[in-house]
Every structure is written in C-alpha cells, then in structure tokens.
Amino acid sequence: MAKNNRNIQIVWGVVLVLAGIGVFFMIPQKMLEIQKIEHFSSAIFFIRFCFYFLGVLLIGGGAKKIYDNYRFPKK
C-alpha cells in the first residue's frame, strides 16, 4: 500500500507542475481578456503578479512533492 501511495503522490506532483506550466502559458491570453474589463484595468499589475505567483507556487509545490516521494525511503 505504501508503494502505491508513493506512486499516486508522484503523479499528483507531476500534475501540479504541469498545471503551473500551463498557468505560465495562459497568462498572456487571459491578461488580454482581463484588460478589456474596465473595472480591472487599474489593478492589472497586481492581477498579473498573482497569476505568476500562482504558477510559481504550483510548480514549487509539485516539485517538492515529487522530490519528497521519489527518494528512496530511509531505513
């Protein structure tokens, strides 16, 4: 059961990293759509920062999960 749980955690880590990379690819498209909304145009730099920060957190969290579960267990 522990080996199966480790594999699931590694797969989940890979999914998190891929989601983070996807955020970075989608930011330019979404920023164009958000800029069209007049209410959000004044806070565009904060929104852009939040999107990039979200991407970094996803990639960092996924990488940590992969690293923690990919190592061989200590005896």
Protein backbone atom coordinates (compact mmCIF):
# COMPACT_ATOMS: atom_id res chain seq x y z
CA MET A 1 0.00 0.00 0.00
CA ALA A 2 2.84 2.43 0.79
CA LYS A 3 4.39 1.93 -2.67
CA ASN A 4 1.03 2.61 -4.33
CA ASN A 5 0.54 5.76 -2.24
CA ARG A 6 4.02 6.96 -3.20
CA ASN A 7 3.22 6.50 -6.88
CA ILE A 8 -0.02 8.43 -6.51
CA GLN A 9 1.83 11.27 -4.78
CA ILE A 10 4.44 11.38 -7.56
CA VAL A 11 1.73 11.51 -10.22
CA TRP A 12 -0.05 14.26 -8.28
CA GLY A 13 3.23 16.20 -8.12
CA VAL A 14 3.66 15.89 -11.88
CA VAL A 15 0.10 17.13 -12.40
CA LEU A 16 0.80 20.15 -10.17
CA VAL A 17 3.97 21.00 -12.12
CA LEU A 18 2.14 20.70 -15.43
CA ALA A 19 -0.69 22.90 -14.14
CA GLY A 20 1.88 25.52 -13.09
CA ILE A 21 3.49 25.45 -16.51
CA GLY A 22 0.05 25.74 -18.08
CA VAL A 23 -0.63 28.85 -15.99
CA PHE A 24 2.51 30.48 -17.40
CA PHE A 25 1.41 29.73 -20.96
CA MET A 26 -2.12 31.03 -20.41
CA ILE A 27 -1.25 34.30 -18.64
CA PRO A 28 -0.74 36.39 -21.82
CA GLN A 29 -4.09 35.28 -23.27
CA LYS A 30 -6.02 35.80 -20.07
CA MET A 31 -4.42 39.19 -19.41
CA LEU A 32 -5.73 40.45 -22.75
CA GLU A 33 -9.23 39.35 -21.76
CA ILE A 34 -8.93 40.88 -18.28
CA GLN A 35 -7.66 44.20 -19.69
CA LYS A 36 -10.88 44.52 -21.68
CA ILE A 37 -12.83 44.68 -18.42
CA GLU A 38 -12.73 48.32 -17.39
CA HIS A 39 -13.11 47.62 -13.67
CA PHE A 40 -9.89 45.55 -13.53
CA SER A 41 -7.72 47.74 -15.76
CA SER A 42 -6.33 49.74 -12.83
CA ALA A 43 -5.18 46.61 -10.97
CA ILE A 44 -3.67 44.82 -13.95
CA PHE A 45 -0.16 44.65 -12.49
CA PHE A 46 -1.44 43.11 -9.25
CA ILE A 47 -3.51 40.57 -11.16
CA ARG A 48 -0.52 39.68 -13.34
CA PHE A 49 1.64 39.25 -10.21
CA CYS A 50 -0.99 36.98 -8.65
CA PHE A 51 -1.13 34.76 -11.74
CA TYR A 52 2.64 34.41 -11.90
CA PHE A 53 2.81 33.77 -8.14
CA LEU A 54 0.16 31.06 -8.51
CA GLY A 55 2.21 29.42 -11.26
CA VAL A 56 5.36 29.51 -9.13
CA LEU A 57 3.52 28.01 -6.16
CA LEU A 58 2.09 25.20 -8.28
CA ILE A 59 5.46 24.34 -9.79
CA GLY A 60 7.24 24.60 -6.44
CA GLY A 61 4.66 22.50 -4.61
CA GLY A 62 4.64 19.85 -7.30
CA ALA A 63 8.43 19.72 -7.42
CA LYS A 64 8.60 19.35 -3.64
CA LYS A 65 6.02 16.57 -3.71
CA ILE A 66 7.95 14.74 -6.44
CA TYR A 67 11.26 15.19 -4.61
CA ASP A 68 9.88 14.02 -1.25
CA ASN A 69 8.23 10.92 -2.68
CA TYR A 70 10.79 9.95 -5.31
CA ARG A 71 13.64 9.50 -2.86
CA PHE A 72 14.18 6.05 -1.50
CA PRO A 73 12.69 5.66 1.96
CA LYS A 74 15.18 5.87 4.83
CA LYS A 75 15.65 2.74 6.87
